[in-house]
Amino acid sequence: MSYDSRAYDRSAGQLPLPPPVPAAAAGLLGQARRGLAEAAAAGDARERYATAHLAALRAAAAVLAARTRPESGRRRPRSAWVLLGEVCPELGEWATFFAAGAAKRAAAEAGLSRAVTEREADDLVRDVAAFLSVVETTLTQLPEPAARPRVVGGTAHRGTRSSRR
């Protein structure tokens, strides 16, 4: 990663730009947005639910792509939702929520007629939209700046003394 001198202009007192989202994460966010739009347009509740759930999974994958490194060696595969809760605890409740809907998504993908209701599908589309917004914010936030140290006898005091002399 190279330093971009345009990212922070000391003379203008501007804050630095947020770090760019890694390309893999940005691609997954794009897929999630497109999937959400596709879900919202789907006429069938099963298709709407399954497509929305997959959009949420892609958003979770974007967080994992941005915040983790591939592990070496062979390990037992783990759920993206479990990993999301570990890697980004502030998204843990979302991870639990979407993990609970995975079986329903599988039933909807299998075409089971009573897998989901119209309302469940519509609610999930709204929930995924909210989740995607939270993920985008999470990936583009700047870390909070460190508190400035308090300086005793700073320049204001020196200026005042010298003007009194």
Protein backbone atom coordinates (compact mmCIF):
# COMPACT_ATOMS: atom_id res chain seq x y z
CA MET A 1 0.00 0.00 0.00
CA SER A 2 1.51 3.31 -0.99
CA TYR A 3 1.00 6.64 0.68
CA ASP A 4 -1.21 9.04 -1.25
CA SER A 5 -0.18 12.62 -0.53
CA ARG A 6 -3.65 13.77 -1.55
CA ALA A 7 -5.22 11.74 1.26
CA TYR A 8 -4.23 14.29 3.88
CA ASP A 9 -3.58 17.97 3.36
CA ARG A 10 -1.97 19.31 6.54
CA SER A 11 -2.12 22.92 5.38
CA ALA A 12 -5.88 22.73 4.88
CA GLY A 13 -6.39 20.83 8.14
CA GLN A 14 -8.41 18.13 6.39
CA LEU A 15 -8.94 14.72 7.87
CA PRO A 16 -7.47 11.78 5.97
CA LEU A 17 -9.69 9.89 3.57
CA PRO A 18 -10.96 6.51 4.76
CA PRO A 19 -8.78 3.62 3.69
CA PRO A 20 -9.89 2.10 0.41
CA VAL A 21 -11.92 -1.08 0.56
CA PRO A 22 -9.82 -3.99 -0.82
CA ALA A 23 -10.73 -4.94 -4.39
CA ALA A 24 -12.07 -8.38 -3.43
CA ALA A 25 -14.32 -6.86 -0.77
CA ALA A 26 -15.51 -4.12 -3.13
CA GLY A 27 -16.39 -6.75 -5.75
CA LEU A 28 -18.37 -8.75 -3.21
CA LEU A 29 -20.20 -5.61 -2.07
CA GLY A 30 -21.14 -4.94 -5.68
CA GLN A 31 -22.45 -8.49 -6.03
CA ALA A 32 -24.42 -8.06 -2.81
CA ARG A 33 -26.01 -4.82 -4.06
CA ARG A 34 -26.95 -6.43 -7.38
CA GLY A 35 -28.32 -9.49 -5.57
CA LEU A 36 -30.44 -7.29 -3.32
CA ALA A 37 -31.85 -5.44 -6.35
CA GLU A 38 -32.60 -8.79 -8.00
CA ALA A 39 -34.31 -10.04 -4.83
CA ALA A 40 -36.44 -6.91 -4.56
CA ALA A 41 -37.61 -7.39 -8.15
CA ALA A 42 -38.37 -11.13 -7.84
CA GLY A 43 -42.04 -12.03 -8.04
CA ASP A 44 -41.85 -15.37 -6.25
CA ALA A 45 -41.42 -15.24 -2.45
CA ARG A 46 -39.06 -18.24 -2.45
CA GLU A 47 -36.80 -16.65 -5.04
CA ARG A 48 -36.94 -13.28 -3.26
CA TYR A 49 -35.98 -14.86 0.08
CA ALA A 50 -33.18 -17.04 -1.30
CA THR A 51 -31.70 -14.25 -3.41
CA ALA A 52 -31.82 -11.76 -0.55
CA HIS A 53 -30.16 -14.25 1.81
CA LEU A 54 -27.39 -14.85 -0.74
CA ALA A 55 -26.89 -11.07 -1.01
CA ALA A 56 -26.40 -10.95 2.75
CA LEU A 57 -23.91 -13.81 2.50
CA ARG A 58 -21.93 -11.88 -0.11
CA ALA A 59 -21.92 -8.81 2.14
CA ALA A 60 -20.57 -10.98 4.96
CA ALA A 61 -17.94 -12.37 2.59
CA ALA A 62 -16.90 -8.79 1.79
CA VAL A 63 -16.20 -8.16 5.47
CA LEU A 64 -14.24 -11.40 5.70
CA ALA A 65 -12.27 -10.52 2.56
CA ALA A 66 -11.38 -7.13 4.02
CA ARG A 67 -10.56 -8.24 7.55
CA THR A 68 -8.99 -11.69 7.28
CA ARG A 69 -6.11 -13.47 5.59
CA PRO A 70 -6.34 -16.97 4.15
CA GLU A 71 -5.28 -19.64 6.63
CA SER A 72 -2.53 -22.04 5.67
CA GLY A 73 -3.06 -25.77 5.90
CA ARG A 74 -6.28 -27.71 5.78
CA ARG A 75 -8.93 -26.93 8.29
CA ARG A 76 -12.52 -27.91 8.62
CA PRO A 77 -14.74 -25.42 6.74
CA ARG A 78 -16.67 -23.04 8.98
CA SER A 79 -19.78 -21.06 8.31
CA ALA A 80 -19.28 -17.53 7.03
CA TRP A 81 -21.75 -16.43 9.71
CA VAL A 82 -19.64 -17.97 12.48
CA LEU A 83 -16.50 -16.37 11.07
CA LEU A 84 -18.23 -13.00 10.72
CA GLY A 85 -19.16 -13.01 14.41
CA GLU A 86 -15.55 -13.79 15.34
CA VAL A 87 -13.87 -11.34 12.96
CA CYS A 88 -16.29 -8.46 13.41
CA PRO A 89 -18.09 -8.82 16.77
CA GLU A 90 -20.16 -5.69 16.15
CA LEU A 91 -21.91 -7.66 13.39
CA GLY A 92 -22.45 -10.71 15.61
CA GLU A 93 -26.20 -10.23 16.01
CA TRP A 94 -26.59 -9.90 12.26
CA ALA A 95 -24.54 -13.09 11.80
CA THR A 96 -26.76 -14.98 14.23
CA PHE A 97 -29.89 -13.67 12.50
CA PHE A 98 -28.78 -14.72 9.01
CA ALA A 99 -27.39 -18.06 10.20
CA ALA A 100 -30.85 -18.85 11.57
CA GLY A 101 -32.33 -18.25 8.10
CA ALA A 102 -29.94 -20.56 6.22
CA ALA A 103 -32.22 -23.63 6.44
CA LYS A 104 -35.18 -21.58 5.24
CA ARG A 105 -33.07 -20.35 2.30
CA ALA A 106 -32.17 -23.95 1.43
CA ALA A 107 -35.84 -24.92 1.52
CA ALA A 108 -36.74 -21.96 -0.68
CA GLU A 109 -33.98 -22.87 -3.15
CA ALA A 110 -35.28 -26.44 -3.22
CA GLY A 111 -38.65 -25.07 -4.32
CA LEU A 112 -40.67 -26.18 -1.31
CA SER A 113 -44.00 -24.43 -1.69
CA ARG A 114 -44.39 -23.52 1.98
CA ALA A 115 -40.75 -22.61 2.60
CA VAL A 116 -41.39 -18.89 3.11
CA THR A 117 -44.30 -16.50 3.11
CA GLU A 118 -44.56 -13.29 1.10
CA ARG A 119 -44.10 -11.32 4.30
CA GLU A 120 -40.99 -13.26 5.34
CA ALA A 121 -39.45 -12.63 1.93
CA ASP A 122 -40.30 -8.91 2.02
CA ASP A 123 -38.98 -8.59 5.57
CA LEU A 124 -35.73 -10.30 4.63
CA VAL A 125 -35.21 -7.97 1.67
CA ARG A 126 -35.55 -4.99 4.04
CA ASP A 127 -33.26 -6.62 6.61
CA VAL A 128 -30.59 -7.33 4.00
CA ALA A 129 -30.77 -3.71 2.82
CA ALA A 130 -30.13 -2.56 6.39
CA PHE A 131 -27.32 -5.11 6.82
CA LEU A 132 -25.66 -4.06 3.58
CA SER A 133 -25.72 -0.44 4.73
CA VAL A 134 -24.10 -1.41 8.05
CA VAL A 135 -21.46 -3.46 6.25
CA GLU A 136 -20.62 -0.60 3.89
CA THR A 137 -20.26 1.75 6.84
CA THR A 138 -18.16 -0.78 8.75
CA LEU A 139 -15.76 -1.21 5.83
CA THR A 140 -15.31 2.50 5.17
CA GLN A 141 -15.02 3.85 8.72
CA LEU A 142 -11.87 5.53 9.85
CA PRO A 143 -10.53 4.40 13.19
CA GLU A 144 -11.20 6.93 15.91
CA PRO A 145 -8.30 9.36 16.26
CA ALA A 146 -6.16 9.04 19.34
CA ALA A 147 -6.73 11.66 22.00
CA ARG A 148 -4.28 14.52 21.86
CA PRO A 149 -1.94 14.72 24.80
CA ARG A 150 -2.57 17.59 27.10
CA VAL A 151 0.32 20.03 27.11
CA VAL A 152 0.90 22.19 30.18
CA GLY A 153 2.44 25.57 29.47
CA GLY A 154 1.69 25.44 25.75
CA THR A 155 2.25 28.22 23.24
CA ALA A 156 -0.77 30.22 24.38
CA HIS A 157 0.83 30.71 27.79
CA ARG A 158 4.18 31.62 26.30
CA GLY A 159 2.57 34.11 23.96
CA THR A 160 0.73 35.72 26.84
CA ARG A 161 3.87 36.04 28.97
CA SER A 162 5.98 37.48 26.19
CA SER A 163 3.33 40.08 25.40
CA ARG A 164 3.34 41.19 29.06
CA ARG A 165 7.09 41.82 29.15
